[in-house]
Amino acid sequence: MAAETKPSVAGPSSWMRLIRIASYVIAGLSLLLTVGLWLSNMNTLPLCDSQRAKDSLSNVFKANKLNPTRYDEIKTLAKSDQEVRCNATLPLSEGGTVRVDYRFFWEESTVKIEYTLRR
């Protein structure tokens, strides 16, 4: 009597395993990209019109009780590895404008901001 053979068929468990592996690979690559971007931001000064700069200026405006509506103009005045100098003009919600001269610089291994506000 001949031995009975069954054809091999890829079942749902094979597909689930492939989907699981693909999702792990995608998650791992996403994590590496996120960590890489975070590390590169930690070792560079923010650009004048970057979100990091705008977040820092937002804290300055809150501390000075200013409520700008948008950025009309942002200029980079000078840029080096040690310092970025900028200025921006912003309209205020109560009327008028505020001009901000600001610079980002290194103090030891920490990024600092120095600014001057003019109405």
Protein backbone atom coordinates (compact mmCIF):
# COMPACT_ATOMS: atom_id res chain seq x y z
CA MET A 1 0.00 0.00 0.00
CA ALA A 2 1.34 3.44 -0.94
CA ALA A 3 1.86 6.17 1.65
CA GLU A 4 -0.68 8.91 1.46
CA THR A 5 0.71 12.40 0.84
CA LYS A 6 -1.12 15.65 1.41
CA PRO A 7 -0.31 18.74 -0.62
CA SER A 8 1.14 21.57 1.45
CA VAL A 9 -1.08 24.59 1.50
CA ALA A 10 -0.12 27.91 3.05
CA GLY A 11 -2.72 28.50 5.70
CA PRO A 12 -3.71 31.63 7.53
CA SER A 13 -0.93 31.14 10.06
CA SER A 14 1.75 31.59 7.35
CA TRP A 15 0.19 34.84 6.17
CA MET A 16 -0.23 36.10 9.72
CA ARG A 17 3.42 35.35 10.42
CA LEU A 18 4.49 37.34 7.33
CA ILE A 19 2.26 40.26 8.29
CA ARG A 20 3.61 40.21 11.84
CA ILE A 21 7.23 40.20 10.61
CA ALA A 22 6.52 43.06 8.17
CA SER A 23 4.88 45.12 10.92
CA TYR A 24 7.90 44.55 13.21
CA VAL A 25 10.25 45.67 10.43
CA ILE A 26 8.17 48.81 9.76
CA ALA A 27 7.95 49.63 13.48
CA GLY A 28 11.70 49.15 13.89
CA LEU A 29 12.51 51.40 10.94
CA SER A 30 10.11 54.05 12.23
CA LEU A 31 11.76 53.94 15.65
CA LEU A 32 15.25 54.25 14.13
CA LEU A 33 14.14 57.22 12.02
CA THR A 34 12.55 58.96 15.00
CA VAL A 35 15.60 58.45 17.22
CA GLY A 36 17.90 59.58 14.40
CA LEU A 37 15.95 62.80 13.87
CA TRP A 38 15.82 63.44 17.60
CA LEU A 39 19.59 62.97 17.94
CA SER A 40 20.33 65.20 14.95
CA ASN A 41 18.10 67.95 16.42
CA MET A 42 19.90 67.68 19.75
CA ASN A 43 23.26 68.40 18.11
CA THR A 44 22.23 71.33 15.92
CA LEU A 45 20.98 74.85 16.45
CA PRO A 46 17.43 75.53 15.26
CA LEU A 47 16.97 77.40 12.01
CA CYS A 48 15.18 80.74 12.18
CA ASP A 49 11.94 79.51 10.63
CA SER A 50 11.97 75.99 12.08
CA GLN A 51 9.26 74.63 14.34
CA ARG A 52 11.81 74.45 17.18
CA ALA A 53 12.47 78.18 16.84
CA LYS A 54 8.75 78.99 16.69
CA ASP A 55 8.11 76.88 19.80
CA SER A 56 10.86 78.75 21.65
CA LEU A 57 9.47 82.10 20.55
CA SER A 58 5.99 81.03 21.61
CA ASN A 59 7.32 80.61 25.15
CA VAL A 60 8.90 84.09 24.93
CA PHE A 61 5.59 85.60 23.83
CA LYS A 62 3.68 83.91 26.64
CA ALA A 63 6.20 85.15 29.20
CA ASN A 64 5.85 88.70 27.84
CA LYS A 65 2.05 88.51 27.54
CA LEU A 66 2.06 89.01 23.77
CA ASN A 67 -0.44 87.40 21.44
CA PRO A 68 0.87 87.40 17.85
CA THR A 69 -1.45 86.11 15.16
CA ARG A 70 1.15 84.84 12.66
CA TYR A 71 4.68 85.31 11.38
CA ASP A 72 4.75 87.96 8.62
CA GLU A 73 8.45 87.74 7.94
CA ILE A 74 11.32 85.66 9.30
CA LYS A 75 14.90 86.43 8.26
CA THR A 76 18.16 84.67 8.91
CA LEU A 77 20.79 87.34 9.55
CA ALA A 78 23.78 85.08 10.22
CA LYS A 79 24.40 81.38 10.65
CA SER A 80 27.36 79.36 11.91
CA ASP A 81 27.91 76.20 13.91
CA GLN A 82 28.00 78.25 17.12
CA GLU A 83 25.24 80.80 16.53
CA VAL A 84 22.14 81.54 14.45
CA ARG A 85 20.91 85.19 14.33
CA CYS A 86 17.38 85.97 13.19
CA ASN A 87 14.62 88.52 13.20
CA ALA A 88 10.89 88.24 12.71
CA THR A 89 7.94 90.58 12.38
CA LEU A 90 4.58 89.49 13.79
CA PRO A 91 1.21 91.25 13.89
CA LEU A 92 -0.45 91.32 17.31
CA SER A 93 -4.09 90.36 17.85
CA GLU A 94 -4.71 93.63 19.72
CA GLY A 95 -3.24 95.63 16.82
CA GLY A 96 0.23 96.77 15.93
CA THR A 97 3.25 94.58 15.38
CA VAL A 98 6.16 93.24 17.34
CA ARG A 99 9.65 92.80 15.96
CA VAL A 100 11.81 90.11 17.52
CA ASP A 101 15.56 89.95 17.16
CA TYR A 102 16.75 86.60 18.45
CA ARG A 103 19.69 84.32 18.38
CA PHE A 104 20.31 80.70 19.24
CA PHE A 105 23.72 79.79 20.59
CA TRP A 106 25.52 77.07 22.49
CA GLU A 107 26.21 77.39 26.21
CA GLU A 108 28.31 74.35 26.95
CA SER A 109 26.13 71.60 25.44
CA THR A 110 22.78 73.40 25.79
CA VAL A 111 21.03 75.48 23.12
CA LYS A 112 20.09 78.90 24.50
CA ILE A 113 17.98 81.71 23.09
CA GLU A 114 18.57 85.44 23.55
CA TYR A 115 16.00 87.91 22.28
CA THR A 116 14.94 91.54 22.06
CA LEU A 117 11.31 92.58 21.54
CA ARG A 118 10.31 95.89 19.93
CA ARG A 119 6.79 97.16 19.35
